[in-house]
Amino acid sequence: MRALVIGNESYSDQEEQQNPQLAPSEVELPMKYGDPFQWYFLAPWHAVTYRLAGNRGANTPGVENAIPVIDLIGTRWNFGHGWRYLRLGVGVAYIKDQVQSISVAGVMQTSDSLHFITEGNINVGGYSIGGGLVVGDGEQFPRFRDRWRLFVGVDVVRLSTGTPTETF
């Protein structure tokens, strides 16, 4: 049994006791676990990206393509303990796209291309879905609609340990 000793009194983390009755001059304050609405900064999660337009290929869904995404800022609504929360965030990701092109000889060629993406997402209980926009690279994506990506992912740390990963 572990115990915390302060002065002459000992407190054990193994023993639970009820609070004593309130004195006539005392008032009980209503307290909740955490605020229902909170801001957060730097929340990591993992996602697979999909292209929403164009015929330039897409990443194959799988663990090997699950990229880390960082929400730079967001807000969370806690409507219970544990997994019961809703999170809205905006941030950035660095992704690898598989780009398909047809050579002069008519042969389909695939190459990898790396891009920064700005993203926004909604997360419920550790599962996320969102959208992103490729930054720059106007030559590879001349049409604006070819820059959009769909993100589907999870907060791996939150789902495996139950511990939030956000920095406040």
N, C-alpha and C. Protein backbone atom coordinates (compact mmCIF):
# COMPACT_ATOMS: atom_id res chain seq x y z
N MET A 1 0.85 -1.17 0.00
CA MET A 1 0.00 0.00 0.00
C MET A 1 0.90 1.23 0.00
N ARG A 2 0.68 2.15 -0.95
CA ARG A 2 1.43 3.39 -1.00
C ARG A 2 0.66 4.44 -0.21
N ALA A 3 1.39 5.34 0.40
CA ALA A 3 0.74 6.39 1.18
C ALA A 3 1.48 7.69 1.00
N LEU A 4 0.75 8.79 1.03
CA LEU A 4 1.31 10.12 0.99
C LEU A 4 1.24 10.67 2.40
N VAL A 5 2.35 11.18 2.90
CA VAL A 5 2.40 11.71 4.26
C VAL A 5 2.61 13.21 4.18
N ILE A 6 1.70 13.95 4.75
CA ILE A 6 1.81 15.41 4.84
C ILE A 6 1.70 15.78 6.31
N GLY A 7 2.79 16.31 6.83
CA GLY A 7 2.82 16.64 8.26
C GLY A 7 2.67 15.38 9.09
N ASN A 8 1.68 15.37 9.97
CA ASN A 8 1.43 14.20 10.82
C ASN A 8 0.34 13.30 10.27
N GLU A 9 -0.26 13.66 9.08
CA GLU A 9 -1.36 12.88 8.53
C GLU A 9 -0.91 12.05 7.33
N SER A 10 -1.47 10.86 7.21
CA SER A 10 -1.12 9.95 6.13
C SER A 10 -2.35 9.74 5.23
N TYR A 11 -2.14 9.80 3.91
CA TYR A 11 -3.22 9.61 2.95
C TYR A 11 -2.85 8.46 2.02
N SER A 12 -3.70 7.48 1.88
CA SER A 12 -3.41 6.32 1.06
C SER A 12 -4.24 6.39 -0.22
N ASP A 13 -3.62 5.97 -1.34
CA ASP A 13 -4.39 5.95 -2.59
C ASP A 13 -5.20 4.66 -2.72
N GLN A 14 -5.13 3.78 -1.74
CA GLN A 14 -5.88 2.53 -1.75
C GLN A 14 -7.20 2.64 -1.00
N GLU A 15 -7.31 3.60 -0.13
CA GLU A 15 -8.51 3.72 0.70
C GLU A 15 -9.39 4.85 0.19
N GLU A 16 -10.66 4.54 -0.06
CA GLU A 16 -11.60 5.57 -0.44
C GLU A 16 -12.52 5.85 0.73
N GLN A 17 -12.77 7.12 0.95
CA GLN A 17 -13.65 7.51 2.05
C GLN A 17 -14.64 8.53 1.54
N GLN A 18 -15.80 8.56 2.14
CA GLN A 18 -16.81 9.55 1.81
C GLN A 18 -16.44 10.88 2.46
N ASN A 19 -16.85 11.94 1.82
CA ASN A 19 -16.63 13.25 2.43
C ASN A 19 -17.44 13.37 3.71
N PRO A 20 -16.94 14.07 4.69
CA PRO A 20 -17.71 14.26 5.92
C PRO A 20 -18.94 15.14 5.65
N GLN A 21 -19.89 15.08 6.55
CA GLN A 21 -21.08 15.91 6.44
C GLN A 21 -20.68 17.38 6.47
N LEU A 22 -21.43 18.19 5.71
CA LEU A 22 -21.15 19.62 5.70
C LEU A 22 -21.53 20.25 7.03
N ALA A 23 -20.69 21.19 7.44
CA ALA A 23 -21.03 21.98 8.63
C ALA A 23 -22.14 22.94 8.26
N PRO A 24 -22.90 23.45 9.23
CA PRO A 24 -24.02 24.37 8.91
C PRO A 24 -23.58 25.60 8.12
N SER A 25 -22.37 26.04 8.27
CA SER A 25 -21.92 27.25 7.56
C SER A 25 -21.29 26.95 6.20
N GLU A 26 -21.17 25.65 5.82
CA GLU A 26 -20.54 25.28 4.55
C GLU A 26 -21.58 25.10 3.45
N VAL A 27 -21.12 25.29 2.21
CA VAL A 27 -21.96 25.11 1.03
C VAL A 27 -21.22 24.20 0.06
N GLU A 28 -21.93 23.23 -0.50
CA GLU A 28 -21.32 22.34 -1.48
C GLU A 28 -21.29 23.02 -2.84
N LEU A 29 -20.11 23.02 -3.49
CA LEU A 29 -19.96 23.63 -4.81
C LEU A 29 -20.13 22.57 -5.88
N PRO A 30 -20.97 22.83 -6.91
CA PRO A 30 -21.10 21.86 -7.98
C PRO A 30 -19.82 21.87 -8.83
N MET A 31 -19.21 20.71 -9.03
CA MET A 31 -17.98 20.63 -9.82
C MET A 31 -18.13 19.51 -10.85
N LYS A 32 -17.61 19.75 -12.04
CA LYS A 32 -17.63 18.77 -13.11
C LYS A 32 -16.20 18.42 -13.49
N TYR A 33 -16.06 17.26 -14.10
CA TYR A 33 -14.76 16.85 -14.61
C TYR A 33 -14.50 17.58 -15.93
N GLY A 34 -13.62 18.56 -15.91
CA GLY A 34 -13.27 19.30 -17.13
C GLY A 34 -14.39 20.20 -17.61
N ASP A 35 -14.03 21.14 -18.43
CA ASP A 35 -14.99 22.03 -19.06
C ASP A 35 -15.57 21.33 -20.28
N PRO A 36 -16.85 21.54 -20.57
CA PRO A 36 -17.42 20.86 -21.74
C PRO A 36 -16.77 21.34 -23.05
N PHE A 37 -16.41 22.62 -23.16
CA PHE A 37 -15.77 23.15 -24.36
C PHE A 37 -14.35 23.56 -24.02
N GLN A 38 -13.40 23.07 -24.83
CA GLN A 38 -11.99 23.36 -24.60
C GLN A 38 -11.31 23.65 -25.93
N TRP A 39 -10.29 24.50 -25.89
CA TRP A 39 -9.41 24.74 -27.04
C TRP A 39 -8.20 23.83 -26.89
N TYR A 40 -7.63 23.43 -27.99
CA TYR A 40 -6.40 22.63 -27.93
C TYR A 40 -5.45 23.07 -29.03
N PHE A 41 -4.18 22.69 -28.87
CA PHE A 41 -3.14 22.99 -29.83
C PHE A 41 -2.31 21.73 -30.07
N LEU A 42 -1.83 21.55 -31.28
CA LEU A 42 -0.92 20.46 -31.64
C LEU A 42 -1.45 19.07 -31.27
N ALA A 43 -2.43 18.62 -32.01
CA ALA A 43 -3.00 17.29 -31.79
C ALA A 43 -2.64 16.38 -32.96
N PRO A 44 -1.83 15.34 -32.75
CA PRO A 44 -1.48 14.43 -33.84
C PRO A 44 -2.54 13.34 -34.04
N TRP A 45 -2.70 12.89 -35.27
CA TRP A 45 -3.53 11.74 -35.61
C TRP A 45 -3.02 11.18 -36.93
N HIS A 46 -3.50 10.03 -37.35
CA HIS A 46 -3.02 9.38 -38.57
C HIS A 46 -4.17 9.21 -39.55
N ALA A 47 -3.86 9.38 -40.86
CA ALA A 47 -4.91 9.33 -41.87
C ALA A 47 -4.39 8.71 -43.16
N VAL A 48 -5.33 8.25 -43.97
CA VAL A 48 -5.07 7.85 -45.35
C VAL A 48 -5.77 8.90 -46.20
N THR A 49 -5.11 9.34 -47.29
CA THR A 49 -5.70 10.37 -48.14
C THR A 49 -6.23 9.78 -49.44
N TYR A 50 -7.29 10.40 -49.96
CA TYR A 50 -7.88 10.01 -51.23
C TYR A 50 -8.07 11.27 -52.07
N ARG A 51 -7.83 11.16 -53.37
CA ARG A 51 -8.11 12.28 -54.28
C ARG A 51 -9.60 12.34 -54.55
N LEU A 52 -10.12 13.54 -54.66
CA LEU A 52 -11.55 13.71 -54.91
C LEU A 52 -11.87 14.00 -56.36
N ALA A 53 -10.87 14.37 -57.16
CA ALA A 53 -11.12 14.68 -58.57
C ALA A 53 -9.87 14.34 -59.36
N GLY A 54 -10.01 14.32 -60.66
CA GLY A 54 -8.86 14.08 -61.53
C GLY A 54 -8.60 12.61 -61.71
N ASN A 55 -7.74 12.31 -62.66
CA ASN A 55 -7.41 10.93 -62.97
C ASN A 55 -5.91 10.72 -62.78
N ARG A 56 -5.39 11.20 -61.70
CA ARG A 56 -3.95 11.16 -61.49
C ARG A 56 -3.56 10.17 -60.40
N GLY A 57 -4.39 9.24 -60.08
CA GLY A 57 -4.04 8.20 -59.11
C GLY A 57 -4.43 8.56 -57.69
N ALA A 58 -4.34 7.59 -56.84
CA ALA A 58 -4.66 7.78 -55.42
C ALA A 58 -3.84 6.79 -54.62
N ASN A 59 -3.62 7.13 -53.37
CA ASN A 59 -2.89 6.21 -52.50
C ASN A 59 -3.76 5.01 -52.17
N THR A 60 -3.14 3.85 -52.18
CA THR A 60 -3.84 2.63 -51.81
C THR A 60 -4.09 2.65 -50.30
N PRO A 61 -5.32 2.40 -49.85
CA PRO A 61 -5.56 2.38 -48.41
C PRO A 61 -4.72 1.29 -47.74
N GLY A 62 -4.10 1.63 -46.64
CA GLY A 62 -3.30 0.67 -45.91
C GLY A 62 -2.42 1.35 -44.90
N VAL A 63 -1.90 0.57 -43.97
CA VAL A 63 -1.07 1.11 -42.90
C VAL A 63 0.16 1.80 -43.46
N GLU A 64 0.71 1.28 -44.56
CA GLU A 64 1.92 1.87 -45.12
C GLU A 64 1.69 3.30 -45.63
N ASN A 65 0.45 3.68 -45.89
CA ASN A 65 0.15 5.03 -46.36
C ASN A 65 -0.53 5.88 -45.29
N ALA A 66 -0.60 5.41 -44.06
CA ALA A 66 -1.21 6.19 -42.98
C ALA A 66 -0.20 7.25 -42.53
N ILE A 67 -0.47 8.47 -42.92
CA ILE A 67 0.46 9.57 -42.65
C ILE A 67 0.10 10.28 -41.36
N PRO A 68 1.08 10.84 -40.66
CA PRO A 68 0.76 11.65 -39.49
C PRO A 68 0.21 13.01 -39.92
N VAL A 69 -0.83 13.44 -39.25
CA VAL A 69 -1.45 14.74 -39.48
C VAL A 69 -1.37 15.50 -38.16
N ILE A 70 -1.09 16.79 -38.21
CA ILE A 70 -1.01 17.61 -36.99
C ILE A 70 -2.09 18.68 -37.06
N ASP A 71 -3.04 18.64 -36.12
CA ASP A 71 -3.98 19.74 -35.97
C ASP A 71 -3.25 20.85 -35.22
N LEU A 72 -3.13 22.01 -35.83
CA LEU A 72 -2.44 23.12 -35.17
C LEU A 72 -3.28 23.75 -34.08
N ILE A 73 -4.59 23.86 -34.34
CA ILE A 73 -5.50 24.43 -33.36
C ILE A 73 -6.88 23.81 -33.57
N GLY A 74 -7.65 23.75 -32.50
CA GLY A 74 -8.99 23.20 -32.62
C GLY A 74 -9.77 23.38 -31.34
N THR A 75 -11.00 22.91 -31.36
CA THR A 75 -11.84 22.95 -30.18
C THR A 75 -12.44 21.56 -29.96
N ARG A 76 -12.70 21.25 -28.70
CA ARG A 76 -13.25 19.94 -28.35
C ARG A 76 -14.46 20.14 -27.45
N TRP A 77 -15.49 19.34 -27.69
CA TRP A 77 -16.68 19.35 -26.85
C TRP A 77 -16.75 17.99 -26.17
N ASN A 78 -16.61 17.98 -24.85
CA ASN A 78 -16.72 16.76 -24.05
C ASN A 78 -18.17 16.60 -23.62
N PHE A 79 -18.81 15.52 -24.04
CA PHE A 79 -20.18 15.28 -23.60
C PHE A 79 -20.24 14.03 -22.73
N GLY A 80 -19.13 13.68 -22.12
CA GLY A 80 -19.05 12.55 -21.21
C GLY A 80 -17.60 12.23 -20.94
N HIS A 81 -17.37 11.13 -20.26
CA HIS A 81 -16.02 10.71 -19.94
C HIS A 81 -15.50 9.74 -20.99
N GLY A 82 -14.19 9.59 -21.04
CA GLY A 82 -13.58 8.62 -21.94
C GLY A 82 -13.66 9.02 -23.39
N TRP A 83 -14.38 8.21 -24.19
CA TRP A 83 -14.40 8.39 -25.64
C TRP A 83 -15.49 9.34 -26.11
N ARG A 84 -16.27 9.88 -25.21
CA ARG A 84 -17.41 10.71 -25.61
C ARG A 84 -17.00 12.17 -25.77
N TYR A 85 -16.52 12.50 -26.97
CA TYR A 85 -16.15 13.87 -27.27
C TYR A 85 -16.24 14.09 -28.78
N LEU A 86 -16.34 15.35 -29.15
CA LEU A 86 -16.36 15.77 -30.55
C LEU A 86 -15.26 16.80 -30.69
N ARG A 87 -14.41 16.64 -31.69
CA ARG A 87 -13.26 17.53 -31.86
C ARG A 87 -13.26 18.09 -33.27
N LEU A 88 -13.10 19.40 -33.42
CA LEU A 88 -12.96 20.06 -34.72
C LEU A 88 -11.58 20.69 -34.77
N GLY A 89 -10.83 20.44 -35.84
CA GLY A 89 -9.47 20.98 -35.89
C GLY A 89 -9.05 21.37 -37.29
N VAL A 90 -8.03 22.22 -37.36
CA VAL A 90 -7.39 22.60 -38.62
C VAL A 90 -5.89 22.45 -38.45
N GLY A 91 -5.22 22.00 -39.50
CA GLY A 91 -3.79 21.80 -39.38
C GLY A 91 -3.12 21.54 -40.70
N VAL A 92 -2.02 20.77 -40.65
CA VAL A 92 -1.21 20.51 -41.83
C VAL A 92 -0.81 19.03 -41.88
N ALA A 93 -0.43 18.60 -43.09
CA ALA A 93 0.10 17.25 -43.30
C ALA A 93 1.11 17.31 -44.44
N TYR A 94 1.98 16.34 -44.49
CA TYR A 94 2.95 16.20 -45.57
C TYR A 94 2.71 14.82 -46.16
N ILE A 95 2.22 14.77 -47.41
CA ILE A 95 1.78 13.50 -47.97
C ILE A 95 2.59 13.10 -49.20
N LYS A 96 2.53 11.83 -49.50
CA LYS A 96 3.10 11.29 -50.73
C LYS A 96 1.93 10.88 -51.62
N ASP A 97 1.86 11.47 -52.81
CA ASP A 97 0.86 11.09 -53.80
C ASP A 97 1.49 10.15 -54.81
N GLN A 98 0.70 9.26 -55.32
CA GLN A 98 1.12 8.43 -56.44
C GLN A 98 0.54 9.06 -57.70
N VAL A 99 1.41 9.60 -58.54
CA VAL A 99 0.99 10.34 -59.73
C VAL A 99 1.11 9.42 -60.94
N GLN A 100 0.03 9.36 -61.72
CA GLN A 100 0.03 8.55 -62.93
C GLN A 100 0.10 9.46 -64.15
N SER A 101 0.90 9.07 -65.13
CA SER A 101 0.98 9.83 -66.37
C SER A 101 1.20 8.84 -67.52
N ILE A 102 0.88 9.29 -68.72
CA ILE A 102 1.07 8.46 -69.91
C ILE A 102 2.24 9.02 -70.69
N SER A 103 3.20 8.17 -70.98
CA SER A 103 4.39 8.60 -71.71
C SER A 103 4.05 8.80 -73.18
N VAL A 104 5.02 9.32 -73.94
CA VAL A 104 4.83 9.54 -75.37
C VAL A 104 4.55 8.22 -76.09
N ALA A 105 5.13 7.13 -75.56
CA ALA A 105 4.92 5.82 -76.18
C ALA A 105 3.57 5.21 -75.78
N GLY A 106 2.81 5.90 -74.94
CA GLY A 106 1.50 5.40 -74.54
C GLY A 106 1.52 4.46 -73.36
N VAL A 107 2.62 4.42 -72.62
CA VAL A 107 2.76 3.54 -71.47
C VAL A 107 2.40 4.31 -70.19
N MET A 108 1.58 3.70 -69.32
CA MET A 108 1.21 4.32 -68.05
C MET A 108 2.40 4.26 -67.10
N GLN A 109 2.79 5.41 -66.56
CA GLN A 109 3.89 5.49 -65.61
C GLN A 109 3.38 6.03 -64.29
N THR A 110 3.92 5.50 -63.19
CA THR A 110 3.54 5.95 -61.85
C THR A 110 4.79 6.48 -61.16
N SER A 111 4.66 7.64 -60.53
CA SER A 111 5.77 8.20 -59.76
C SER A 111 5.22 8.79 -58.48
N ASP A 112 6.12 8.98 -57.51
CA ASP A 112 5.73 9.55 -56.22
C ASP A 112 5.99 11.04 -56.21
N SER A 113 5.12 11.77 -55.53
CA SER A 113 5.25 13.21 -55.42
C SER A 113 4.88 13.61 -53.99
N LEU A 114 5.66 14.48 -53.36
CA LEU A 114 5.42 14.91 -51.98
C LEU A 114 4.79 16.30 -51.95
N HIS A 115 3.82 16.49 -51.04
CA HIS A 115 3.09 17.75 -50.97
C HIS A 115 2.75 18.12 -49.53
N PHE A 116 2.76 19.43 -49.25
CA PHE A 116 2.16 19.95 -48.02
C PHE A 116 0.69 20.15 -48.26
N ILE A 117 -0.12 19.86 -47.25
CA ILE A 117 -1.57 20.02 -47.35
C ILE A 117 -2.08 20.74 -46.12
N THR A 118 -2.98 21.70 -46.31
CA THR A 118 -3.72 22.27 -45.19
C THR A 118 -4.99 21.44 -45.06
N GLU A 119 -5.43 21.21 -43.83
CA GLU A 119 -6.58 20.31 -43.64
C GLU A 119 -7.50 20.80 -42.53
N GLY A 120 -8.75 20.38 -42.62
CA GLY A 120 -9.74 20.57 -41.57
C GLY A 120 -10.43 19.24 -41.34
N ASN A 121 -10.80 18.96 -40.09
CA ASN A 121 -11.38 17.65 -39.81
C ASN A 121 -12.34 17.69 -38.64
N ILE A 122 -13.12 16.63 -38.54
CA ILE A 122 -14.00 16.41 -37.40
C ILE A 122 -13.64 15.03 -36.83
N ASN A 123 -13.55 14.94 -35.52
CA ASN A 123 -13.14 13.70 -34.85
C ASN A 123 -14.18 13.38 -33.78
N VAL A 124 -14.72 12.18 -33.82
CA VAL A 124 -15.68 11.72 -32.82
C VAL A 124 -15.13 10.44 -32.20
N GLY A 125 -14.84 10.49 -30.91
CA GLY A 125 -14.38 9.32 -30.19
C GLY A 125 -13.09 8.71 -30.72
N GLY A 126 -12.25 9.49 -31.37
CA GLY A 126 -10.98 8.99 -31.87
C GLY A 126 -10.95 8.69 -33.36
N TYR A 127 -12.10 8.76 -34.04
CA TYR A 127 -12.17 8.50 -35.48
C TYR A 127 -12.38 9.82 -36.21
N SER A 128 -11.58 10.07 -37.26
CA SER A 128 -11.59 11.37 -37.94
C SER A 128 -11.94 11.25 -39.42
N ILE A 129 -12.55 12.32 -39.93
CA ILE A 129 -12.75 12.49 -41.36
C ILE A 129 -12.58 13.97 -41.64
N GLY A 130 -11.97 14.27 -42.77
CA GLY A 130 -11.74 15.68 -43.08
C GLY A 130 -11.36 15.88 -44.53
N GLY A 131 -11.07 17.12 -44.85
CA GLY A 131 -10.68 17.48 -46.20
C GLY A 131 -9.42 18.31 -46.17
N GLY A 132 -8.64 18.22 -47.26
CA GLY A 132 -7.40 18.98 -47.33
C GLY A 132 -7.19 19.54 -48.72
N LEU A 133 -6.30 20.52 -48.80
CA LEU A 133 -6.01 21.21 -50.05
C LEU A 133 -4.50 21.26 -50.23
N VAL A 134 -3.99 20.73 -51.36
CA VAL A 134 -2.56 20.75 -51.65
C VAL A 134 -2.11 22.20 -51.81
N VAL A 135 -1.00 22.54 -51.15
CA VAL A 135 -0.46 23.90 -51.22
C VAL A 135 0.59 23.94 -52.33
N GLY A 136 0.50 24.94 -53.22
CA GLY A 136 1.49 25.11 -54.28
C GLY A 136 1.37 24.09 -55.39
N ASP A 137 2.45 23.91 -56.15
CA ASP A 137 2.57 22.94 -57.23
C ASP A 137 1.48 23.11 -58.29
N GLY A 138 1.40 24.32 -58.86
CA GLY A 138 0.41 24.61 -59.89
C GLY A 138 0.64 23.86 -61.19
N GLU A 139 1.88 23.44 -61.48
CA GLU A 139 2.14 22.70 -62.71
C GLU A 139 1.54 21.30 -62.65
N GLN A 140 1.65 20.64 -61.50
CA GLN A 140 1.14 19.28 -61.39
C GLN A 140 -0.38 19.26 -61.26
N PHE A 141 -0.95 20.30 -60.63
CA PHE A 141 -2.40 20.37 -60.44
C PHE A 141 -2.91 21.69 -61.03
N PRO A 142 -3.02 21.77 -62.36
CA PRO A 142 -3.46 23.04 -62.96
C PRO A 142 -4.91 23.39 -62.64
N ARG A 143 -5.74 22.38 -62.40
CA ARG A 143 -7.14 22.65 -62.04
C ARG A 143 -7.27 22.63 -60.52
N PHE A 144 -7.96 23.61 -59.99
CA PHE A 144 -8.11 23.76 -58.54
C PHE A 144 -8.72 22.51 -57.92
N ARG A 145 -9.68 21.88 -58.56
CA ARG A 145 -10.36 20.72 -57.99
C ARG A 145 -9.44 19.52 -57.82
N ASP A 146 -8.33 19.45 -58.57
CA ASP A 146 -7.39 18.34 -58.44
C ASP A 146 -6.57 18.42 -57.15
N ARG A 147 -6.62 19.53 -56.46
CA ARG A 147 -5.84 19.72 -55.24
C ARG A 147 -6.54 19.17 -53.99
N TRP A 148 -7.82 18.87 -54.06
CA TRP A 148 -8.58 18.43 -52.89
C TRP A 148 -8.27 16.98 -52.53
N ARG A 149 -8.20 16.70 -51.22
CA ARG A 149 -7.99 15.35 -50.71
C ARG A 149 -8.99 15.07 -49.58
N LEU A 150 -9.42 13.85 -49.50
CA LEU A 150 -10.26 13.38 -48.40
C LEU A 150 -9.35 12.67 -47.41
N PHE A 151 -9.48 12.98 -46.12
CA PHE A 151 -8.72 12.33 -45.07
C PHE A 151 -9.65 11.42 -44.27
N VAL A 152 -9.25 10.19 -44.06
CA VAL A 152 -9.97 9.26 -43.19
C VAL A 152 -8.93 8.70 -42.24
N GLY A 153 -9.17 8.84 -40.92
CA GLY A 153 -8.12 8.40 -40.00
C GLY A 153 -8.58 8.20 -38.58
N VAL A 154 -7.58 7.98 -37.71
CA VAL A 154 -7.82 7.72 -36.30
C VAL A 154 -6.76 8.42 -35.46
N ASP A 155 -7.11 8.69 -34.22
CA ASP A 155 -6.15 9.15 -33.22
C ASP A 155 -5.63 7.89 -32.55
N VAL A 156 -4.50 7.38 -33.04
CA VAL A 156 -3.97 6.08 -32.61
C VAL A 156 -3.69 6.06 -31.12
N VAL A 157 -3.07 7.12 -30.61
CA VAL A 157 -2.71 7.14 -29.18
C VAL A 157 -3.96 7.16 -28.32
N ARG A 158 -4.95 7.96 -28.69
CA ARG A 158 -6.19 8.05 -27.90
C ARG A 158 -6.93 6.72 -27.88
N LEU A 159 -7.00 6.05 -29.04
CA LEU A 159 -7.72 4.78 -29.11
C LEU A 159 -6.98 3.65 -28.39
N SER A 160 -5.66 3.68 -28.41
CA SER A 160 -4.92 2.58 -27.77
C SER A 160 -4.69 2.77 -26.28
N THR A 161 -4.59 4.02 -25.84
CA THR A 161 -4.30 4.25 -24.40
C THR A 161 -5.42 4.97 -23.67
N GLY A 162 -6.31 5.64 -24.40
CA GLY A 162 -7.34 6.44 -23.75
C GLY A 162 -6.84 7.81 -23.31
N THR A 163 -5.59 8.11 -23.60
CA THR A 163 -4.99 9.38 -23.20
C THR A 163 -5.06 10.40 -24.33
N PRO A 164 -5.59 11.61 -24.08
CA PRO A 164 -5.61 12.62 -25.12
C PRO A 164 -4.17 13.06 -25.47
N THR A 165 -3.92 13.35 -26.74
CA THR A 165 -2.58 13.73 -27.17
C THR A 165 -2.45 15.23 -27.41
N GLU A 166 -3.50 15.99 -27.21
CA GLU A 166 -3.44 17.41 -27.49
C GLU A 166 -2.55 18.13 -26.49
N THR A 167 -1.92 19.21 -26.96
CA THR A 167 -1.16 20.09 -26.07
C THR A 167 -2.01 21.34 -25.88
N PHE A 168 -2.15 21.79 -24.65
CA PHE A 168 -2.99 22.96 -24.39
C PHE A 168 -2.14 24.19 -24.22
